[in-house]
Amino acid sequence: MIRVPRWLVSLIAGLFALFHFCLGLLSLKAYENEANPLLALAIYLVAVVCTTALYGGKALPVAQALLNLSAALLIPLLVNGQLDPAQMSDYTTWYVVGVGTLMAATAVREQIVIAWLGMAGLILQMVIWGGIEALFVSGIIGAILLVAAGNAVSLGLVKASRQVEEFNAEALKIETDQAASSSTSRERETRVAAALASALPTLRLIQAKQGNLSLEEKRASVLLEAALRDEIRGRNLMHASIKKVARKLRSRGVEVVLLDEGGLDHVSEQRRAKLLMQAAEAISQVSEGRVTIRSPQGEAWLITVAAVRPATSTPDIWLKLS
């Protein structure tokens, strides 16, 4: 995205506004009394400088916008009384497009309603002072177009800013998801590596005895194989409480299956731990059969816990935790 420095935008707007100020200075001899037009020029200059050069951020403070509105209403009053409507020219009615420029700058800085109120006040004063023909001679049409352009620019900037914020939020979400996925992957790799490291002594024992293990060693090997399978398929289900109760149940001869299908991927660690401790407590007294703990994806619940025994038509335990 191409970014234009704020100081450059302010400089261009300020120079354009100063053009009307210069026109006002050149037209002073056309007024019956120069005091009021000079005061109007001073008010205009202060309002323009404050609007274009002061205040950080995009939005103009409401207090300054109200001062600009006051200036838009006061400047025509000060000048019109010193000018014959029959002598209207681009120089003598400098303030019309000047006020339009001030209101356009006000609109650009997100004070659109106040900008149009200022233009409405200017139009009303010009009609009262010079009649309907003043709308076509004084430059009021150009002033209206300036404010309309400022209005469009303001709305465009607001829309662009909203789109940038949405894009940044989406980019941040993608980065966060990628970081979480990468973190989960690294954590899983670490767990599997640790499990494999713990299995090495048993694997060396099997190799050394060429598979001729004692009954106790075979039981330990079976438990180790189940633990390795859990690390691969269990992922987010691998909580200390689940590991402990799974080992205990397997030592009793219970078949334990842990299957993570992604249901816990976006659950906080604290909530996940609470759910898994509930699951572990629910199956801790099972003595035979098969226990399955599963975290399905796309369901209203996060974890299912089932315990079944052979030759039974209904499960002893069937829980849906969420």
C-alpha atoms as a PDB file:
ATOM      1  CA  MET A   1       0.000   0.000   0.000  1.00  0.00           C
ATOM      2  CA  ILE A   2       1.319   3.468  -0.972  1.00  0.00           C
ATOM      3  CA  ARG A   3       1.311   5.816   2.019  1.00  0.00           C
ATOM      4  CA  VAL A   4       1.341   9.597   1.550  1.00  0.00           C
ATOM      5  CA  PRO A   5       3.028  11.467   4.426  1.00  0.00           C
ATOM      6  CA  ARG A   6       0.546  13.429   6.527  1.00  0.00           C
ATOM      7  CA  TRP A   7       2.717  16.541   6.404  1.00  0.00           C
ATOM      8  CA  LEU A   8       2.570  16.540   2.594  1.00  0.00           C
ATOM      9  CA  VAL A   9      -1.233  16.284   2.568  1.00  0.00           C
ATOM     10  CA  SER A  10      -1.450  19.086   5.148  1.00  0.00           C
ATOM     11  CA  LEU A  11       0.946  21.247   3.110  1.00  0.00           C
ATOM     12  CA  ILE A  12      -1.051  20.856  -0.119  1.00  0.00           C
ATOM     13  CA  ALA A  13      -4.356  21.551   1.650  1.00  0.00           C
ATOM     14  CA  GLY A  14      -2.851  24.529   3.467  1.00  0.00           C
ATOM     15  CA  LEU A  15      -1.449  26.074   0.263  1.00  0.00           C
ATOM     16  CA  PHE A  16      -4.810  25.671  -1.490  1.00  0.00           C
ATOM     17  CA  ALA A  17      -6.566  27.359   1.426  1.00  0.00           C
ATOM     18  CA  LEU A  18      -3.981  30.162   1.504  1.00  0.00           C
ATOM     19  CA  PHE A  19      -4.788  30.939  -2.140  1.00  0.00           C
ATOM     20  CA  HIS A  20      -8.219  32.195  -1.058  1.00  0.00           C
ATOM     21  CA  PHE A  21      -6.591  34.125   1.769  1.00  0.00           C
ATOM     22  CA  CYS A  22      -4.421  35.920  -0.811  1.00  0.00           C
ATOM     23  CA  LEU A  23      -7.496  36.664  -2.931  1.00  0.00           C
ATOM     24  CA  GLY A  24      -9.072  38.225   0.131  1.00  0.00           C
ATOM     25  CA  LEU A  25      -6.046  40.460   0.713  1.00  0.00           C
ATOM     26  CA  LEU A  26      -6.091  41.615  -2.915  1.00  0.00           C
ATOM     27  CA  SER A  27      -9.785  42.496  -2.685  1.00  0.00           C
ATOM     28  CA  LEU A  28      -9.619  44.716   0.425  1.00  0.00           C
ATOM     29  CA  LYS A  29      -9.995  47.985  -1.557  1.00  0.00           C
ATOM     30  CA  ALA A  30     -13.363  46.823  -2.871  1.00  0.00           C
ATOM     31  CA  TYR A  31     -14.914  46.910   0.626  1.00  0.00           C
ATOM     32  CA  GLU A  32     -16.422  49.980   2.247  1.00  0.00           C
ATOM     33  CA  ASN A  33     -14.580  49.255   5.498  1.00  0.00           C
ATOM     34  CA  GLU A  34     -11.479  47.033   5.595  1.00  0.00           C
ATOM     35  CA  ALA A  35     -11.647  46.252   9.322  1.00  0.00           C
ATOM     36  CA  ASN A  36     -14.320  43.550   9.152  1.00  0.00           C
ATOM     37  CA  PRO A  37     -12.835  41.786   6.087  1.00  0.00           C
ATOM     38  CA  LEU A  38      -9.412  41.813   7.789  1.00  0.00           C
ATOM     39  CA  LEU A  39     -10.970  40.198  10.872  1.00  0.00           C
ATOM     40  CA  ALA A  40     -12.666  37.630   8.626  1.00  0.00           C
ATOM     41  CA  LEU A  41      -9.303  36.897   6.968  1.00  0.00           C
ATOM     42  CA  ALA A  42      -7.657  36.430  10.370  1.00  0.00           C
ATOM     43  CA  ILE A  43     -10.417  34.061  11.536  1.00  0.00           C
ATOM     44  CA  TYR A  44     -10.158  32.102   8.282  1.00  0.00           C
ATOM     45  CA  LEU A  45      -6.366  31.818   8.502  1.00  0.00           C
ATOM     46  CA  VAL A  46      -6.415  30.576  12.111  1.00  0.00           C
ATOM     47  CA  ALA A  47      -9.151  28.025  11.363  1.00  0.00           C
ATOM     48  CA  VAL A  48      -7.329  26.715   8.273  1.00  0.00           C
ATOM     49  CA  VAL A  49      -3.964  26.398  10.028  1.00  0.00           C
ATOM     50  CA  CYS A  50      -5.497  24.613  13.017  1.00  0.00           C
ATOM     51  CA  THR A  51      -7.473  22.224  10.804  1.00  0.00           C
ATOM     52  CA  THR A  52      -4.658  21.281   8.429  1.00  0.00           C
ATOM     53  CA  ALA A  53      -1.552  21.472  10.622  1.00  0.00           C
ATOM     54  CA  LEU A  54      -2.614  20.630  14.166  1.00  0.00           C
ATOM     55  CA  TYR A  55      -3.893  17.497  15.909  1.00  0.00           C
ATOM     56  CA  GLY A  56      -2.692  13.953  15.367  1.00  0.00           C
ATOM     57  CA  GLY A  57      -4.816  11.171  13.966  1.00  0.00           C
ATOM     58  CA  LYS A  58      -7.417  11.256  11.231  1.00  0.00           C
ATOM     59  CA  ALA A  59     -10.378  12.725  13.109  1.00  0.00           C
ATOM     60  CA  LEU A  60     -10.593  16.429  13.876  1.00  0.00           C
ATOM     61  CA  PRO A  61     -11.513  17.122  17.519  1.00  0.00           C
ATOM     62  CA  VAL A  62     -15.152  18.106  17.947  1.00  0.00           C
ATOM     63  CA  ALA A  63     -14.149  21.386  19.632  1.00  0.00           C
ATOM     64  CA  GLN A  64     -12.109  22.466  16.584  1.00  0.00           C
ATOM     65  CA  ALA A  65     -14.870  21.345  14.227  1.00  0.00           C
ATOM     66  CA  LEU A  66     -17.340  23.532  16.129  1.00  0.00           C
ATOM     67  CA  LEU A  67     -14.890  26.455  15.913  1.00  0.00           C
ATOM     68  CA  ASN A  68     -14.722  25.881  12.156  1.00  0.00           C
ATOM     69  CA  LEU A  69     -18.543  25.938  12.022  1.00  0.00           C
ATOM     70  CA  SER A  70     -18.542  29.209  13.931  1.00  0.00           C
ATOM     71  CA  ALA A  71     -15.991  30.613  11.489  1.00  0.00           C
ATOM     72  CA  ALA A  72     -18.112  29.487   8.518  1.00  0.00           C
ATOM     73  CA  LEU A  73     -21.108  31.365   9.944  1.00  0.00           C
ATOM     74  CA  LEU A  74     -19.218  34.460  11.109  1.00  0.00           C
ATOM     75  CA  ILE A  75     -17.002  35.164   8.072  1.00  0.00           C
ATOM     76  CA  PRO A  76     -19.887  35.874   5.621  1.00  0.00           C
ATOM     77  CA  LEU A  77     -21.514  38.152   8.216  1.00  0.00           C
ATOM     78  CA  LEU A  78     -18.321  40.196   8.534  1.00  0.00           C
ATOM     79  CA  VAL A  79     -17.756  40.525   4.783  1.00  0.00           C
ATOM     80  CA  ASN A  80     -21.241  40.796   3.269  1.00  0.00           C
ATOM     81  CA  GLY A  81     -22.067  43.943   5.184  1.00  0.00           C
ATOM     82  CA  GLN A  82     -19.104  45.737   3.592  1.00  0.00           C
ATOM     83  CA  LEU A  83     -19.778  44.608  -0.004  1.00  0.00           C
ATOM     84  CA  ASP A  84     -22.376  45.604  -2.581  1.00  0.00           C
ATOM     85  CA  PRO A  85     -23.967  42.489  -4.121  1.00  0.00           C
ATOM     86  CA  ALA A  86     -23.666  44.173  -7.515  1.00  0.00           C
ATOM     87  CA  GLN A  87     -19.845  44.140  -7.159  1.00  0.00           C
ATOM     88  CA  MET A  88     -19.478  40.418  -6.627  1.00  0.00           C
ATOM     89  CA  SER A  89     -16.378  38.876  -8.219  1.00  0.00           C
ATOM     90  CA  ASP A  90     -13.985  35.990  -7.642  1.00  0.00           C
ATOM     91  CA  TYR A  91     -11.798  38.287  -5.524  1.00  0.00           C
ATOM     92  CA  THR A  92     -14.451  39.982  -3.414  1.00  0.00           C
ATOM     93  CA  THR A  93     -16.272  36.707  -2.659  1.00  0.00           C
ATOM     94  CA  TRP A  94     -13.063  34.859  -1.829  1.00  0.00           C
ATOM     95  CA  TYR A  95     -14.655  33.769   1.418  1.00  0.00           C
ATOM     96  CA  VAL A  96     -17.297  31.614  -0.316  1.00  0.00           C
ATOM     97  CA  VAL A  97     -14.865  29.065  -1.767  1.00  0.00           C
ATOM     98  CA  GLY A  98     -12.601  29.764   1.215  1.00  0.00           C
ATOM     99  CA  VAL A  99     -15.305  28.604   3.643  1.00  0.00           C
ATOM    100  CA  GLY A 100     -16.017  25.709   1.271  1.00  0.00           C
ATOM    101  CA  THR A 101     -12.342  24.730   1.480  1.00  0.00           C
ATOM    102  CA  LEU A 102     -12.422  24.953   5.281  1.00  0.00           C
ATOM    103  CA  MET A 103     -15.574  22.805   5.427  1.00  0.00           C
ATOM    104  CA  ALA A 104     -14.075  20.329   2.951  1.00  0.00           C
ATOM    105  CA  ALA A 105     -11.035  19.926   5.215  1.00  0.00           C
ATOM    106  CA  THR A 106     -13.402  19.481   8.157  1.00  0.00           C
ATOM    107  CA  ALA A 107     -15.266  16.755   6.258  1.00  0.00           C
ATOM    108  CA  VAL A 108     -12.051  14.972   5.276  1.00  0.00           C
ATOM    109  CA  ARG A 109     -11.140  14.798   8.952  1.00  0.00           C
ATOM    110  CA  GLU A 110     -14.348  12.867   9.725  1.00  0.00           C
ATOM    111  CA  GLN A 111     -16.597  15.724  10.873  1.00  0.00           C
ATOM    112  CA  ILE A 112     -18.980  15.424   7.938  1.00  0.00           C
ATOM    113  CA  VAL A 113     -22.190  16.590   9.648  1.00  0.00           C
ATOM    114  CA  ILE A 114     -20.573  19.779  10.955  1.00  0.00           C
ATOM    115  CA  ALA A 115     -19.080  20.462   7.512  1.00  0.00           C
ATOM    116  CA  TRP A 116     -22.488  20.326   5.828  1.00  0.00           C
ATOM    117  CA  LEU A 117     -24.042  22.471   8.557  1.00  0.00           C
ATOM    118  CA  GLY A 118     -21.410  25.091   7.813  1.00  0.00           C
ATOM    119  CA  MET A 119     -22.212  24.939   4.094  1.00  0.00           C
ATOM    120  CA  ALA A 120     -25.946  25.215   4.794  1.00  0.00           C
ATOM    121  CA  GLY A 121     -25.321  28.339   6.885  1.00  0.00           C
ATOM    122  CA  LEU A 122     -23.143  29.841   4.122  1.00  0.00           C
ATOM    123  CA  ILE A 123     -25.749  29.160   1.402  1.00  0.00           C
ATOM    124  CA  LEU A 124     -28.537  30.665   3.509  1.00  0.00           C
ATOM    125  CA  GLN A 125     -26.538  33.838   4.190  1.00  0.00           C
ATOM    126  CA  MET A 126     -25.591  34.246   0.518  1.00  0.00           C
ATOM    127  CA  VAL A 127     -29.230  33.915  -0.594  1.00  0.00           C
ATOM    128  CA  ILE A 128     -30.412  36.429   2.031  1.00  0.00           C
ATOM    129  CA  TRP A 129     -27.653  38.857   1.046  1.00  0.00           C
ATOM    130  CA  GLY A 130     -27.528  38.578  -2.753  1.00  0.00           C
ATOM    131  CA  GLY A 131     -30.606  36.607  -3.766  1.00  0.00           C
ATOM    132  CA  ILE A 132     -30.758  33.392  -5.752  1.00  0.00           C
ATOM    133  CA  GLU A 133     -28.397  34.786  -8.401  1.00  0.00           C
ATOM    134  CA  ALA A 134     -25.665  34.932  -5.765  1.00  0.00           C
ATOM    135  CA  LEU A 135     -25.551  31.137  -5.842  1.00  0.00           C
ATOM    136  CA  PHE A 136     -24.367  31.265  -9.457  1.00  0.00           C
ATOM    137  CA  VAL A 137     -22.018  34.238  -9.291  1.00  0.00           C
ATOM    138  CA  SER A 138     -20.281  33.937  -5.930  1.00  0.00           C
ATOM    139  CA  GLY A 139     -18.707  30.503  -6.412  1.00  0.00           C
ATOM    140  CA  ILE A 140     -21.055  28.674  -4.055  1.00  0.00           C
ATOM    141  CA  ILE A 141     -21.409  25.779  -6.521  1.00  0.00           C
ATOM    142  CA  GLY A 142     -17.654  25.202  -6.417  1.00  0.00           C
ATOM    143  CA  ALA A 143     -17.727  25.363  -2.618  1.00  0.00           C
ATOM    144  CA  ILE A 144     -20.456  22.692  -2.496  1.00  0.00           C
ATOM    145  CA  LEU A 145     -18.450  20.466  -4.829  1.00  0.00           C
ATOM    146  CA  LEU A 146     -15.397  20.862  -2.595  1.00  0.00           C
ATOM    147  CA  VAL A 147     -17.322  19.720   0.479  1.00  0.00           C
ATOM    148  CA  ALA A 148     -18.864  16.848  -1.478  1.00  0.00           C
ATOM    149  CA  ALA A 149     -15.365  15.781  -2.531  1.00  0.00           C
ATOM    150  CA  GLY A 150     -14.176  16.048   1.080  1.00  0.00           C
ATOM    151  CA  ASN A 151     -17.148  13.954   2.152  1.00  0.00           C
ATOM    152  CA  ALA A 152     -16.273  11.263  -0.402  1.00  0.00           C
ATOM    153  CA  VAL A 153     -12.604  11.274   0.602  1.00  0.00           C
ATOM    154  CA  SER A 154     -13.548  10.916   4.270  1.00  0.00           C
ATOM    155  CA  LEU A 155     -15.835   7.956   3.598  1.00  0.00           C
ATOM    156  CA  GLY A 156     -13.175   6.382   1.388  1.00  0.00           C
ATOM    157  CA  LEU A 157     -10.529   6.770   4.059  1.00  0.00           C
ATOM    158  CA  VAL A 158     -12.815   5.278   6.710  1.00  0.00           C
ATOM    159  CA  LYS A 159     -13.590   2.311   4.448  1.00  0.00           C
ATOM    160  CA  ALA A 160      -9.913   1.841   3.578  1.00  0.00           C
ATOM    161  CA  SER A 161      -8.954   2.045   7.246  1.00  0.00           C
ATOM    162  CA  ARG A 162     -11.593  -0.556   8.129  1.00  0.00           C
ATOM    163  CA  GLN A 163     -10.368  -2.865   5.380  1.00  0.00           C
ATOM    164  CA  VAL A 164      -6.763  -2.477   6.564  1.00  0.00           C
ATOM    165  CA  GLU A 165      -7.823  -3.321  10.123  1.00  0.00           C
ATOM    166  CA  GLU A 166      -9.750  -6.373   8.901  1.00  0.00           C
ATOM    167  CA  PHE A 167      -6.773  -7.474   6.795  1.00  0.00           C
ATOM    168  CA  ASN A 168      -4.391  -7.040   9.729  1.00  0.00           C
ATOM    169  CA  ALA A 169      -6.753  -8.947  12.029  1.00  0.00           C
ATOM    170  CA  GLU A 170      -7.018 -11.793   9.508  1.00  0.00           C
ATOM    171  CA  ALA A 171      -3.233 -11.838   9.007  1.00  0.00           C
ATOM    172  CA  LEU A 172      -2.738 -11.913  12.779  1.00  0.00           C
ATOM    173  CA  LYS A 173      -5.242 -14.779  13.092  1.00  0.00           C
ATOM    174  CA  ILE A 174      -3.426 -16.744  10.383  1.00  0.00           C
ATOM    175  CA  GLU A 175      -0.070 -16.137  12.049  1.00  0.00           C
ATOM    176  CA  THR A 176      -1.515 -17.119  15.433  1.00  0.00           C
ATOM    177  CA  ASP A 177      -3.040 -20.312  14.014  1.00  0.00           C
ATOM    178  CA  GLN A 178       0.219 -21.163  12.264  1.00  0.00           C
ATOM    179  CA  ALA A 179       2.179 -20.521  15.443  1.00  0.00           C
ATOM    180  CA  ALA A 180      -0.248 -22.643  17.469  1.00  0.00           C
ATOM    181  CA  SER A 181      -0.106 -25.423  14.875  1.00  0.00           C
ATOM    182  CA  SER A 182       3.687 -25.266  14.801  1.00  0.00           C
ATOM    183  CA  SER A 183       3.822 -25.257  18.586  1.00  0.00           C
ATOM    184  CA  THR A 184       1.464 -28.245  18.760  1.00  0.00           C
ATOM    185  CA  SER A 185       3.509 -30.092  16.156  1.00  0.00           C
ATOM    186  CA  ARG A 186       6.755 -29.415  18.027  1.00  0.00           C
ATOM    187  CA  GLU A 187       5.155 -30.484  21.305  1.00  0.00           C
ATOM    188  CA  ARG A 188       3.923 -33.703  19.707  1.00  0.00           C
ATOM    189  CA  GLU A 189       7.353 -34.411  18.216  1.00  0.00           C
ATOM    190  CA  THR A 190       8.929 -33.806  21.609  1.00  0.00           C
ATOM    191  CA  ARG A 191       6.495 -36.212  23.291  1.00  0.00           C
ATOM    192  CA  VAL A 192       7.018 -38.904  20.660  1.00  0.00           C
ATOM    193  CA  ALA A 193      10.797 -38.466  20.840  1.00  0.00           C
ATOM    194  CA  ALA A 194      10.682 -38.774  24.625  1.00  0.00           C
ATOM    195  CA  ALA A 195       8.491 -41.885  24.385  1.00  0.00           C
ATOM    196  CA  LEU A 196      10.840 -43.460  21.844  1.00  0.00           C
ATOM    197  CA  ALA A 197      13.813 -42.657  24.062  1.00  0.00           C
ATOM    198  CA  SER A 198      12.123 -44.391  26.992  1.00  0.00           C
ATOM    199  CA  ALA A 199      11.427 -47.396  24.752  1.00  0.00           C
ATOM    200  CA  LEU A 200      15.045 -47.906  23.748  1.00  0.00           C
ATOM    201  CA  PRO A 201      16.013 -49.994  26.821  1.00  0.00           C
ATOM    202  CA  THR A 202      13.117 -52.388  26.192  1.00  0.00           C
ATOM    203  CA  LEU A 203      13.929 -52.584  22.477  1.00  0.00           C
ATOM    204  CA  ARG A 204      17.558 -53.376  23.279  1.00  0.00           C
ATOM    205  CA  LEU A 205      16.367 -56.034  25.737  1.00  0.00           C
ATOM    206  CA  ILE A 206      14.156 -57.635  23.066  1.00  0.00           C
ATOM    207  CA  GLN A 207      17.070 -57.591  20.643  1.00  0.00           C
ATOM    208  CA  ALA A 208      19.481 -59.032  23.176  1.00  0.00           C
ATOM    209  CA  LYS A 209      17.096 -61.892  24.093  1.00  0.00           C
ATOM    210  CA  GLN A 210      15.981 -62.328  20.497  1.00  0.00           C
ATOM    211  CA  GLY A 211      12.357 -62.049  21.604  1.00  0.00           C
ATOM    212  CA  ASN A 212      12.604 -64.674  24.348  1.00  0.00           C
ATOM    213  CA  LEU A 213      11.148 -62.482  27.085  1.00  0.00           C
ATOM    214  CA  SER A 214       9.793 -63.474  30.442  1.00  0.00           C
ATOM    215  CA  LEU A 215       6.083 -63.066  31.195  1.00  0.00           C
ATOM    216  CA  GLU A 216       6.737 -59.862  33.143  1.00  0.00           C
ATOM    217  CA  GLU A 217       8.922 -58.475  30.361  1.00  0.00           C
ATOM    218  CA  LYS A 218       6.232 -59.251  27.797  1.00  0.00           C
ATOM    219  CA  ARG A 219       3.669 -57.387  29.871  1.00  0.00           C
ATOM    220  CA  ALA A 220       6.008 -54.393  30.120  1.00  0.00           C
ATOM    221  CA  SER A 221       6.556 -54.499  26.350  1.00  0.00           C
ATOM    222  CA  VAL A 222       2.826 -54.580  25.664  1.00  0.00           C
ATOM    223  CA  LEU A 223       2.275 -51.607  27.968  1.00  0.00           C
ATOM    224  CA  LEU A 224       5.129 -49.754  26.292  1.00  0.00           C
ATOM    225  CA  GLU A 225       3.715 -50.435  22.818  1.00  0.00           C
ATOM    226  CA  ALA A 226       0.308 -49.106  23.946  1.00  0.00           C
ATOM    227  CA  ALA A 227       1.927 -45.979  25.410  1.00  0.00           C
ATOM    228  CA  LEU A 228       3.737 -45.321  22.112  1.00  0.00           C
ATOM    229  CA  ARG A 229       0.472 -45.753  20.219  1.00  0.00           C
ATOM    230  CA  ASP A 230      -1.183 -43.278  22.585  1.00  0.00           C
ATOM    231  CA  GLU A 231       1.504 -40.672  21.903  1.00  0.00           C
ATOM    232  CA  ILE A 232       0.915 -40.967  18.172  1.00  0.00           C
ATOM    233  CA  ARG A 233      -2.902 -41.075  18.155  1.00  0.00           C
ATOM    234  CA  GLY A 234      -3.746 -39.390  21.438  1.00  0.00           C
ATOM    235  CA  ARG A 235      -2.168 -35.941  20.901  1.00  0.00           C
ATOM    236  CA  ASN A 236      -4.215 -33.502  23.046  1.00  0.00           C
ATOM    237  CA  LEU A 237      -5.608 -36.359  25.117  1.00  0.00           C
ATOM    238  CA  MET A 238      -2.170 -37.075  26.557  1.00  0.00           C
ATOM    239  CA  HIS A 239      -2.618 -35.564  29.989  1.00  0.00           C
ATOM    240  CA  ALA A 240      -0.818 -36.925  33.057  1.00  0.00           C
ATOM    241  CA  SER A 241      -4.085 -38.126  34.612  1.00  0.00           C
ATOM    242  CA  ILE A 242      -5.054 -39.999  31.420  1.00  0.00           C
ATOM    243  CA  LYS A 243      -1.626 -41.608  31.103  1.00  0.00           C
ATOM    244  CA  LYS A 244      -1.736 -42.781  34.704  1.00  0.00           C
ATOM    245  CA  VAL A 245      -5.219 -44.277  34.573  1.00  0.00           C
ATOM    246  CA  ALA A 246      -4.593 -45.841  31.124  1.00  0.00           C
ATOM    247  CA  ARG A 247      -1.542 -47.661  32.439  1.00  0.00           C
ATOM    248  CA  LYS A 248      -3.483 -48.820  35.503  1.00  0.00           C
ATOM    249  CA  LEU A 249      -6.393 -50.136  33.398  1.00  0.00           C
ATOM    250  CA  ARG A 250      -4.076 -51.940  30.990  1.00  0.00           C
ATOM    251  CA  SER A 251      -2.357 -53.640  33.904  1.00  0.00           C
ATOM    252  CA  ARG A 252      -5.801 -55.041  34.797  1.00  0.00           C
ATOM    253  CA  GLY A 253      -6.245 -56.356  31.271  1.00  0.00           C
ATOM    254  CA  VAL A 254      -8.553 -53.559  30.061  1.00  0.00           C
ATOM    255  CA  GLU A 255      -8.096 -52.416  26.460  1.00  0.00           C
ATOM    256  CA  VAL A 256      -7.679 -48.634  26.314  1.00  0.00           C
ATOM    257  CA  VAL A 257      -7.993 -46.620  23.083  1.00  0.00           C
ATOM    258  CA  LEU A 258      -7.154 -42.919  22.916  1.00  0.00           C
ATOM    259  CA  LEU A 259      -8.113 -41.130  19.695  1.00  0.00           C
ATOM    260  CA  ASP A 260      -7.721 -37.398  19.146  1.00  0.00           C
ATOM    261  CA  GLU A 261      -9.559 -36.211  16.010  1.00  0.00           C
ATOM    262  CA  GLY A 262      -8.972 -32.495  16.604  1.00  0.00           C
ATOM    263  CA  GLY A 263     -11.820 -31.644  18.929  1.00  0.00           C
ATOM    264  CA  LEU A 264      -9.478 -30.105  21.501  1.00  0.00           C
ATOM    265  CA  ASP A 265      -7.250 -28.141  19.093  1.00  0.00           C
ATOM    266  CA  HIS A 266      -8.719 -24.742  19.997  1.00  0.00           C
ATOM    267  CA  VAL A 267      -9.491 -25.394  23.660  1.00  0.00           C
ATOM    268  CA  SER A 268      -7.462 -23.638  26.338  1.00  0.00           C
ATOM    269  CA  GLU A 269      -4.977 -25.741  28.268  1.00  0.00           C
ATOM    270  CA  GLN A 270      -6.765 -25.120  31.559  1.00  0.00           C
ATOM    271  CA  ARG A 271     -10.146 -26.238  30.220  1.00  0.00           C
ATOM    272  CA  ARG A 272      -8.594 -29.228  28.451  1.00  0.00           C
ATOM    273  CA  ALA A 273      -6.902 -30.377  31.662  1.00  0.00           C
ATOM    274  CA  LYS A 274     -10.182 -30.103  33.587  1.00  0.00           C
ATOM    275  CA  LEU A 275     -12.065 -32.203  31.007  1.00  0.00           C
ATOM    276  CA  LEU A 276      -9.370 -34.872  30.863  1.00  0.00           C
ATOM    277  CA  MET A 277      -9.253 -35.185  34.649  1.00  0.00           C
ATOM    278  CA  GLN A 278     -13.032 -35.731  34.596  1.00  0.00           C
ATOM    279  CA  ALA A 279     -12.584 -38.432  31.945  1.00  0.00           C
ATOM    280  CA  ALA A 280      -9.791 -40.096  33.940  1.00  0.00           C
ATOM    281  CA  GLU A 281     -11.893 -40.118  37.093  1.00  0.00           C
ATOM    282  CA  ALA A 282     -14.877 -41.574  35.240  1.00  0.00           C
ATOM    283  CA  ILE A 283     -12.954 -44.657  34.005  1.00  0.00           C
ATOM    284  CA  SER A 284     -10.653 -45.183  36.970  1.00  0.00           C
ATOM    285  CA  GLN A 285     -12.727 -48.085  38.381  1.00  0.00           C
ATOM    286  CA  VAL A 286     -13.181 -50.039  35.135  1.00  0.00           C
ATOM    287  CA  SER A 287     -11.876 -53.614  35.573  1.00  0.00           C
ATOM    288  CA  GLU A 288     -12.591 -55.333  32.264  1.00  0.00           C
ATOM    289  CA  GLY A 289     -13.579 -54.778  28.649  1.00  0.00           C
ATOM    290  CA  ARG A 290     -12.647 -51.821  26.490  1.00  0.00           C
ATOM    291  CA  VAL A 291     -12.378 -48.088  27.247  1.00  0.00           C
ATOM    292  CA  THR A 292     -12.379 -45.494  24.453  1.00  0.00           C
ATOM    293  CA  ILE A 293     -11.624 -41.823  24.942  1.00  0.00           C
ATOM    294  CA  ARG A 294     -12.158 -39.741  21.819  1.00  0.00           C
ATOM    295  CA  SER A 295     -12.127 -36.039  20.943  1.00  0.00           C
ATOM    296  CA  PRO A 296     -14.335 -35.681  17.839  1.00  0.00           C
ATOM    297  CA  GLN A 297     -14.255 -32.648  15.587  1.00  0.00           C
ATOM    298  CA  GLY A 298     -17.365 -30.700  14.620  1.00  0.00           C
ATOM    299  CA  GLU A 299     -19.549 -31.926  17.489  1.00  0.00           C
ATOM    300  CA  ALA A 300     -21.293 -30.009  20.257  1.00  0.00           C
ATOM    301  CA  TRP A 301     -19.175 -31.874  22.807  1.00  0.00           C
ATOM    302  CA  LEU A 302     -15.380 -32.072  23.094  1.00  0.00           C
ATOM    303  CA  ILE A 303     -14.703 -35.517  24.521  1.00  0.00           C
ATOM    304  CA  THR A 304     -16.584 -38.802  24.517  1.00  0.00           C
ATOM    305  CA  VAL A 305     -15.853 -41.525  27.088  1.00  0.00           C
ATOM    306  CA  ALA A 306     -17.150 -45.065  26.610  1.00  0.00           C
ATOM    307  CA  ALA A 307     -16.568 -48.239  28.610  1.00  0.00           C
ATOM    308  CA  VAL A 308     -18.022 -51.521  27.377  1.00  0.00           C
ATOM    309  CA  ARG A 309     -17.756 -55.152  28.509  1.00  0.00           C
ATOM    310  CA  PRO A 310     -18.018 -58.244  26.368  1.00  0.00           C
ATOM    311  CA  ALA A 311     -21.499 -59.756  26.024  1.00  0.00           C
ATOM    312  CA  THR A 312     -23.247 -56.575  27.182  1.00  0.00           C
ATOM    313  CA  SER A 313     -25.669 -54.612  24.986  1.00  0.00           C
ATOM    314  CA  THR A 314     -25.202 -51.229  26.640  1.00  0.00           C
ATOM    315  CA  PRO A 315     -22.006 -49.474  27.737  1.00  0.00           C
ATOM    316  CA  ASP A 316     -21.188 -49.217  31.421  1.00  0.00           C
ATOM    317  CA  ILE A 317     -19.989 -45.656  30.871  1.00  0.00           C
ATOM    318  CA  TRP A 318     -21.072 -43.258  28.134  1.00  0.00           C
ATOM    319  CA  LEU A 319     -20.169 -39.610  28.644  1.00  0.00           C
ATOM    320  CA  LYS A 320     -20.097 -36.516  26.482  1.00  0.00           C
ATOM    321  CA  LEU A 321     -17.929 -33.816  28.015  1.00  0.00           C
ATOM    322  CA  SER A 322     -17.989 -30.214  26.808  1.00  0.00           C
END
